[in-house]
Amino acid sequence: MSGLLALLDDVAGIAKVAAASVDDVVAAAGKAGAKTAGVIIDDAAVTPKYVQGFAPARELPIIWRIARGSIFNKIILLLPVALLLANFAPWLITPLLMLGGSYLCFEGAEKIFHVLFPHGSHVIDEDMKNRDPGHLEEQKVKGAIKTDFILSAEIMTIALAAIEAPNLWMQAATLAVVGIGVTVAVYGSVALIVKMDDVGLFLANNAPTPVGRGLGRGLVKAMPAVMKTLSIVGTAAMLWVGGSIVIHGLEVLGFGWLQHQIYDWAKAIAYSAPEDWAAAVKWMAKATMDGVLGLVWGLVLIPLATKVITPLFSKSKAH
């Protein structure tokens, strides 16, 4: 009997340790996830545009495919790489982050350039001529997962930097919780956003009260403006996040004058605002300057990407 009691006591002790470890992982994941808020907003704002132009029946399947790709990006590809870099080559993290930030700047600047100087995509034009929505969907999903890879890399790296874990396994568990939690939050929100017009249509036709039917009609009328606003917010967030990553990376590499200058300018702008608004004004000023510099850097990258990198990549694929 004494042996059985001793065994039960050991099991209870192990259970307590395991429960404490789970609590530590959840707490660390919550802290790390909060640090990634800016990139999460970017991710949630960017994704809805990938389902625009498709039949309503294809919206949720497309979002599900992108979400699966996002989980694969975070857990299978990025988590092991992040742990390896953090423990064996931490000096590589900043240059890789800057590369990802530059890609976000390029994407955001290219979208603005396209609005100012409209130009068609040869691949998409051919798909539309051939009436091949299946191929167009493949292209959209691949593009979304590619953009998600960059955003996921930023999320996982920022989260890793915020983790104060005693060992590799705690780091891995915390990153996994952050990765899955962020993906569920982002793509769950996106699914709700893109299906709001269908909810509105259902209410407009089936709600038992005039108020409910009016709410439904209001949702249907509002969603095009909401989607357009999200597209604008997503582009601005790309430039803001990308610009801030590049500028911070320069500081880490020893070129901090730009970061310090932006901070001083933002502080001076906030000084002229009412005291209660000073912190918010300072943040807005810094985010705006990061975004403007991200746009400038992205515009510089457009000819490099379209005239040099893309042709070289195409030639390498051909061979």
Protein backbone atom coordinates (compact mmCIF):
# COMPACT_ATOMS: atom_id res chain seq x y z
CA MET A 1 0.00 0.00 0.00
CA SER A 2 2.83 2.37 0.90
CA GLY A 3 4.39 1.75 -2.53
CA LEU A 4 1.10 2.59 -4.27
CA LEU A 5 0.75 5.79 -2.22
CA ALA A 6 4.31 6.77 -3.10
CA LEU A 7 3.59 6.16 -6.79
CA LEU A 8 0.40 8.26 -6.62
CA ASP A 9 2.35 11.00 -4.86
CA ASP A 10 4.97 10.97 -7.66
CA VAL A 11 2.21 11.12 -10.32
CA ALA A 12 0.61 14.05 -8.53
CA GLY A 13 3.98 15.81 -8.42
CA ILE A 14 4.53 15.25 -12.15
CA ALA A 15 1.00 16.53 -12.86
CA LYS A 16 1.70 19.70 -10.87
CA VAL A 17 4.92 20.31 -12.80
CA ALA A 18 3.12 19.69 -16.10
CA ALA A 19 0.29 22.05 -15.14
CA ALA A 20 2.79 24.73 -14.14
CA SER A 21 4.58 24.27 -17.48
CA VAL A 22 1.30 24.67 -19.36
CA ASP A 23 0.55 27.84 -17.38
CA ASP A 24 4.04 29.16 -18.19
CA VAL A 25 3.58 28.43 -21.89
CA VAL A 26 0.17 30.14 -21.99
CA ALA A 27 1.47 33.17 -20.09
CA ALA A 28 4.54 33.45 -22.32
CA ALA A 29 2.39 33.02 -25.43
CA GLY A 30 0.07 35.80 -24.29
CA LYS A 31 2.98 38.15 -23.68
CA ALA A 32 4.68 37.26 -26.97
CA GLY A 33 1.43 37.50 -28.91
CA ALA A 34 0.79 41.00 -27.62
CA LYS A 35 4.14 42.10 -29.08
CA THR A 36 3.04 41.02 -32.55
CA ALA A 37 -0.17 43.11 -32.59
CA GLY A 38 0.96 45.36 -35.43
CA VAL A 39 1.77 42.51 -37.78
CA ILE A 40 -1.46 40.69 -36.84
CA ILE A 41 -3.48 43.78 -37.82
CA ASP A 42 -1.57 43.85 -41.10
CA ASP A 43 -2.30 40.16 -41.73
CA ALA A 44 -6.02 40.50 -40.96
CA ALA A 45 -6.38 43.61 -43.12
CA VAL A 46 -4.49 42.21 -46.11
CA THR A 47 -6.16 38.79 -46.43
CA PRO A 48 -9.78 39.71 -47.42
CA LYS A 49 -8.62 41.08 -50.79
CA TYR A 50 -7.62 37.58 -51.87
CA VAL A 51 -11.28 36.46 -52.06
CA GLN A 52 -12.58 39.52 -53.89
CA GLY A 53 -14.07 38.69 -57.29
CA PHE A 54 -14.85 35.04 -56.48
CA ALA A 55 -18.28 33.42 -56.07
CA PRO A 56 -19.55 33.48 -52.45
CA ALA A 57 -19.40 29.67 -52.34
CA ARG A 58 -15.61 29.80 -52.89
CA GLU A 59 -14.84 32.41 -50.20
CA LEU A 60 -14.62 30.16 -47.14
CA PRO A 61 -12.77 27.34 -48.99
CA ILE A 62 -10.18 29.88 -50.18
CA ILE A 63 -9.75 31.27 -46.65
CA TRP A 64 -9.43 27.72 -45.30
CA ARG A 65 -6.72 26.91 -47.85
CA ILE A 66 -4.81 30.07 -46.94
CA ALA A 67 -5.21 29.32 -43.21
CA ARG A 68 -3.80 25.79 -43.71
CA GLY A 69 -0.89 27.29 -45.62
CA SER A 70 -0.37 29.76 -42.78
CA ILE A 71 -0.23 26.96 -40.17
CA PHE A 72 2.24 25.08 -42.38
CA ASN A 73 4.33 28.25 -42.72
CA LYS A 74 4.43 28.87 -38.97
CA ILE A 75 4.69 25.41 -37.45
CA ILE A 76 6.46 23.27 -40.06
CA LEU A 77 8.74 25.79 -41.81
CA LEU A 78 9.32 28.78 -39.55
CA LEU A 79 9.25 27.38 -36.01
CA PRO A 80 12.26 25.03 -36.45
CA VAL A 81 14.18 27.69 -38.39
CA ALA A 82 13.44 30.34 -35.73
CA LEU A 83 14.69 28.04 -32.96
CA LEU A 84 17.83 27.13 -34.90
CA LEU A 85 18.61 30.77 -35.68
CA ALA A 86 17.95 31.93 -32.11
CA ASN A 87 20.20 29.27 -30.61
CA PHE A 88 22.94 28.90 -33.24
CA ALA A 89 22.98 31.96 -35.55
CA PRO A 90 21.22 34.89 -33.86
CA TRP A 91 23.21 37.35 -35.99
CA LEU A 92 21.19 36.23 -39.05
CA ILE A 93 17.81 37.18 -37.58
CA THR A 94 18.03 40.94 -38.21
CA PRO A 95 19.10 40.72 -41.89
CA LEU A 96 16.36 38.16 -42.58
CA LEU A 97 13.78 40.35 -40.86
CA MET A 98 14.93 43.31 -42.97
CA LEU A 99 14.59 41.19 -46.11
CA GLY A 100 11.03 40.33 -45.14
CA GLY A 101 10.30 43.97 -44.28
CA SER A 102 11.63 45.03 -47.67
CA TYR A 103 9.27 42.58 -49.35
CA LEU A 104 6.32 44.12 -47.48
CA CYS A 105 7.45 47.60 -48.56
CA PHE A 106 7.69 46.41 -52.16
CA GLU A 107 4.21 44.84 -52.10
CA GLY A 108 2.62 47.92 -50.54
CA ALA A 109 4.38 50.32 -52.91
CA GLU A 110 3.51 48.17 -55.93
CA LYS A 111 -0.19 48.34 -55.03
CA ILE A 112 -0.07 52.14 -54.80
CA PHE A 113 1.92 52.34 -58.04
CA HIS A 114 -0.71 50.17 -59.72
CA VAL A 115 -3.50 52.54 -58.58
CA LEU A 116 -1.62 55.62 -59.81
CA PHE A 117 -0.41 54.00 -63.03
CA PRO A 118 -2.79 51.11 -63.85
CA HIS A 119 -1.18 48.17 -65.56
CA GLY A 120 -2.55 44.70 -66.16
CA SER A 121 -1.11 41.41 -65.00
CA HIS A 122 -0.34 39.21 -68.02
CA VAL A 123 -1.11 36.02 -66.07
CA ILE A 124 -4.42 37.28 -64.66
CA ASP A 125 -5.46 38.77 -68.03
CA GLU A 126 -4.88 35.41 -69.70
CA ASP A 127 -6.84 33.63 -66.97
CA MET A 128 -9.78 35.98 -67.40
CA LYS A 129 -9.71 35.58 -71.20
CA ASN A 130 -9.66 31.83 -70.86
CA ARG A 131 -12.42 31.96 -68.22
CA ASP A 132 -10.34 29.78 -65.90
CA PRO A 133 -11.34 30.82 -62.38
CA GLY A 134 -9.74 27.66 -60.98
CA HIS A 135 -6.28 28.73 -62.15
CA LEU A 136 -6.91 32.28 -60.94
CA GLU A 137 -7.87 30.89 -57.51
CA GLU A 138 -4.62 28.90 -57.41
CA GLN A 139 -2.66 32.05 -58.20
CA LYS A 140 -4.50 34.03 -55.51
CA VAL A 141 -4.01 31.34 -52.87
CA LYS A 142 -0.30 31.01 -53.70
CA GLY A 143 0.12 34.79 -53.52
CA ALA A 144 -1.71 34.93 -50.19
CA ILE A 145 0.40 32.14 -48.68
CA LYS A 146 3.58 33.81 -49.95
CA THR A 147 2.61 37.10 -48.30
CA ASP A 148 1.53 35.20 -45.18
CA PHE A 149 4.97 33.57 -45.04
CA ILE A 150 6.61 36.99 -44.69
CA LEU A 151 4.08 38.17 -42.10
CA SER A 152 4.31 34.86 -40.24
CA ALA A 153 8.10 35.12 -40.17
CA GLU A 154 7.80 38.56 -38.59
CA ILE A 155 5.23 37.27 -36.07
CA MET A 156 7.32 34.25 -35.07
CA THR A 157 10.55 36.24 -34.82
CA ILE A 158 8.97 39.04 -32.76
CA ALA A 159 7.33 36.45 -30.53
CA LEU A 160 10.63 34.59 -30.11
CA ALA A 161 12.36 37.80 -29.04
CA ALA A 162 9.69 38.37 -26.38
CA ILE A 163 9.88 34.85 -24.91
CA GLU A 164 11.78 34.44 -21.66
CA ALA A 165 11.84 30.65 -21.72
CA PRO A 166 14.34 28.58 -19.72
CA ASN A 167 14.86 25.95 -22.42
CA LEU A 168 14.40 25.06 -26.07
CA TRP A 169 11.25 23.00 -25.49
CA MET A 170 9.50 25.87 -23.70
CA GLN A 171 10.43 28.17 -26.58
CA ALA A 172 9.05 25.69 -29.11
CA ALA A 173 5.79 25.14 -27.19
CA THR A 174 5.25 28.88 -26.75
CA LEU A 175 5.92 29.61 -30.42
CA ALA A 176 3.51 26.83 -31.43
CA VAL A 177 0.77 28.30 -29.21
CA VAL A 178 1.40 31.79 -30.62
CA GLY A 179 1.43 30.52 -34.21
CA ILE A 180 -1.81 28.55 -33.92
CA GLY A 181 -3.56 31.23 -31.84
CA VAL A 182 -2.66 34.03 -34.24
CA THR A 183 -3.75 31.99 -37.27
CA VAL A 184 -7.13 31.15 -35.71
CA ALA A 185 -7.67 34.78 -34.69
CA VAL A 186 -6.67 36.26 -38.06
CA TYR A 187 -8.44 33.86 -40.41
CA GLY A 188 -11.46 33.48 -38.15
CA SER A 189 -11.86 37.27 -38.26
CA VAL A 190 -11.34 37.30 -42.03
CA ALA A 191 -14.00 34.60 -42.50
CA LEU A 192 -16.49 36.67 -40.49
CA ILE A 193 -15.66 39.81 -42.47
CA VAL A 194 -16.03 38.29 -45.94
CA LYS A 195 -19.30 36.51 -45.06
CA MET A 196 -20.92 39.59 -43.48
CA ASP A 197 -22.69 40.45 -46.73
CA ASP A 198 -24.23 36.96 -46.83
CA VAL A 199 -25.35 37.39 -43.21
CA GLY A 200 -26.85 40.75 -44.17
CA LEU A 201 -28.66 39.22 -47.16
CA PHE A 202 -30.08 36.46 -44.94
CA LEU A 203 -31.32 38.99 -42.38
CA ALA A 204 -32.78 41.24 -45.09
CA ASN A 205 -34.84 38.32 -46.46
CA ASN A 206 -35.64 36.35 -43.31
CA ALA A 207 -35.48 38.55 -40.20
CA PRO A 208 -38.85 38.54 -38.37
CA THR A 209 -38.77 42.28 -37.55
CA PRO A 210 -38.36 45.44 -39.64
CA VAL A 211 -35.34 46.39 -37.53
CA GLY A 212 -33.61 43.10 -38.33
CA ARG A 213 -34.38 43.41 -42.04
CA GLY A 214 -33.10 47.00 -42.02
CA LEU A 215 -29.90 45.86 -40.30
CA GLY A 216 -29.45 43.22 -42.98
CA ARG A 217 -29.86 45.73 -45.80
CA GLY A 218 -27.42 48.06 -44.05
CA LEU A 219 -24.81 45.31 -43.84
CA VAL A 220 -25.18 44.49 -47.53
CA LYS A 221 -24.79 48.14 -48.52
CA ALA A 222 -21.87 48.74 -46.14
CA MET A 223 -19.69 45.75 -47.02
CA PRO A 224 -18.22 47.07 -50.32
CA ALA A 225 -17.02 50.18 -48.47
CA VAL A 226 -15.73 48.03 -45.59
CA MET A 227 -13.78 45.79 -47.98
CA LYS A 228 -12.30 48.80 -49.78
CA THR A 229 -11.33 50.34 -46.44
CA LEU A 230 -9.69 47.08 -45.35
CA SER A 231 -7.71 46.99 -48.60
CA ILE A 232 -6.45 50.53 -47.94
CA VAL A 233 -5.69 49.71 -44.30
CA GLY A 234 -3.87 46.54 -45.38
CA THR A 235 -1.66 48.43 -47.83
CA ALA A 236 -0.90 51.13 -45.25
CA ALA A 237 -0.13 48.47 -42.65
CA MET A 238 2.23 46.69 -45.06
CA LEU A 239 4.20 49.91 -45.52
CA TRP A 240 4.13 50.74 -41.81
CA VAL A 241 5.23 47.28 -40.64
CA GLY A 242 7.79 46.86 -43.44
CA GLY A 243 9.23 50.33 -42.97
CA SER A 244 9.49 49.98 -39.18
CA ILE A 245 11.22 46.59 -39.52
CA VAL A 246 13.81 47.95 -41.97
CA ILE A 247 14.45 51.08 -39.89
CA HIS A 248 14.77 49.09 -36.65
CA GLY A 249 17.07 46.62 -38.41
CA LEU A 250 19.35 49.46 -39.48
CA GLU A 251 19.55 50.55 -35.85
CA VAL A 252 20.45 47.03 -34.71
CA LEU A 253 23.18 46.89 -37.38
CA GLY A 254 24.69 50.13 -36.10
CA PHE A 255 22.95 52.68 -38.34
CA GLY A 256 20.55 54.11 -35.79
CA TRP A 257 20.55 57.76 -36.86
CA LEU A 258 17.34 57.36 -38.89
CA GLN A 259 15.47 55.65 -36.06
CA HIS A 260 16.64 58.30 -33.61
CA GLN A 261 15.68 61.12 -35.98
CA ILE A 262 12.18 59.70 -36.44
CA TYR A 263 11.83 59.32 -32.68
CA ASP A 264 12.89 62.94 -32.12
CA TRP A 265 10.49 64.23 -34.80
CA ALA A 266 7.62 62.19 -33.36
CA LYS A 267 8.43 63.45 -29.87
CA ALA A 268 8.46 67.07 -31.11
CA ILE A 269 5.07 66.60 -32.83
CA ALA A 270 3.60 65.02 -29.67
CA TYR A 271 4.92 67.91 -27.57
CA SER A 272 2.53 70.31 -29.32
CA ALA A 273 -0.50 68.04 -28.67
CA PRO A 274 -2.69 68.06 -25.53
CA GLU A 275 -1.15 66.03 -22.72
CA ASP A 276 -3.87 63.37 -22.78
CA TRP A 277 -3.28 62.80 -26.50
CA ALA A 278 0.51 63.08 -26.51
CA ALA A 279 1.24 59.32 -26.45
CA ALA A 280 -1.26 58.57 -29.23
CA VAL A 281 -0.01 61.49 -31.37
CA LYS A 282 3.59 60.34 -30.90
CA TRP A 283 2.71 56.79 -31.99
CA MET A 284 0.74 58.04 -35.01
CA ALA A 285 3.56 60.36 -36.06
CA LYS A 286 6.17 57.60 -35.82
CA ALA A 287 3.92 55.08 -37.64
CA THR A 288 3.26 57.62 -40.42
CA MET A 289 6.96 58.36 -40.89
CA ASP A 290 7.77 54.63 -40.88
CA GLY A 291 5.07 54.11 -43.52
CA VAL A 292 6.28 56.99 -45.72
CA LEU A 293 9.85 55.71 -45.62
CA GLY A 294 8.53 52.19 -46.29
CA LEU A 295 6.75 53.56 -49.38
CA VAL A 296 9.91 55.30 -50.60
CA TRP A 297 11.96 52.13 -50.09
CA GLY A 298 9.28 50.06 -51.81
CA LEU A 299 9.25 52.38 -54.83
CA VAL A 300 13.03 52.04 -55.06
CA LEU A 301 12.65 48.26 -55.01
CA ILE A 302 9.99 48.08 -57.77
CA PRO A 303 12.39 48.43 -60.73
CA LEU A 304 14.94 46.20 -59.02
CA ALA A 305 12.33 43.47 -58.45
CA THR A 306 10.58 43.72 -61.83
CA LYS A 307 13.57 44.38 -64.10
CA VAL A 308 16.32 42.36 -62.40
CA ILE A 309 15.16 39.82 -59.78
CA THR A 310 12.03 38.53 -61.55
CA PRO A 311 13.76 37.96 -64.96
CA LEU A 312 16.66 36.21 -63.24
CA PHE A 313 14.25 34.03 -61.27
CA SER A 314 12.29 33.19 -64.41
CA LYS A 315 15.49 32.19 -66.24
CA SER A 316 16.61 29.99 -63.35
CA LYS A 317 13.21 28.23 -63.32
CA ALA A 318 13.39 27.71 -67.10
CA HIS A 319 16.72 25.93 -66.71
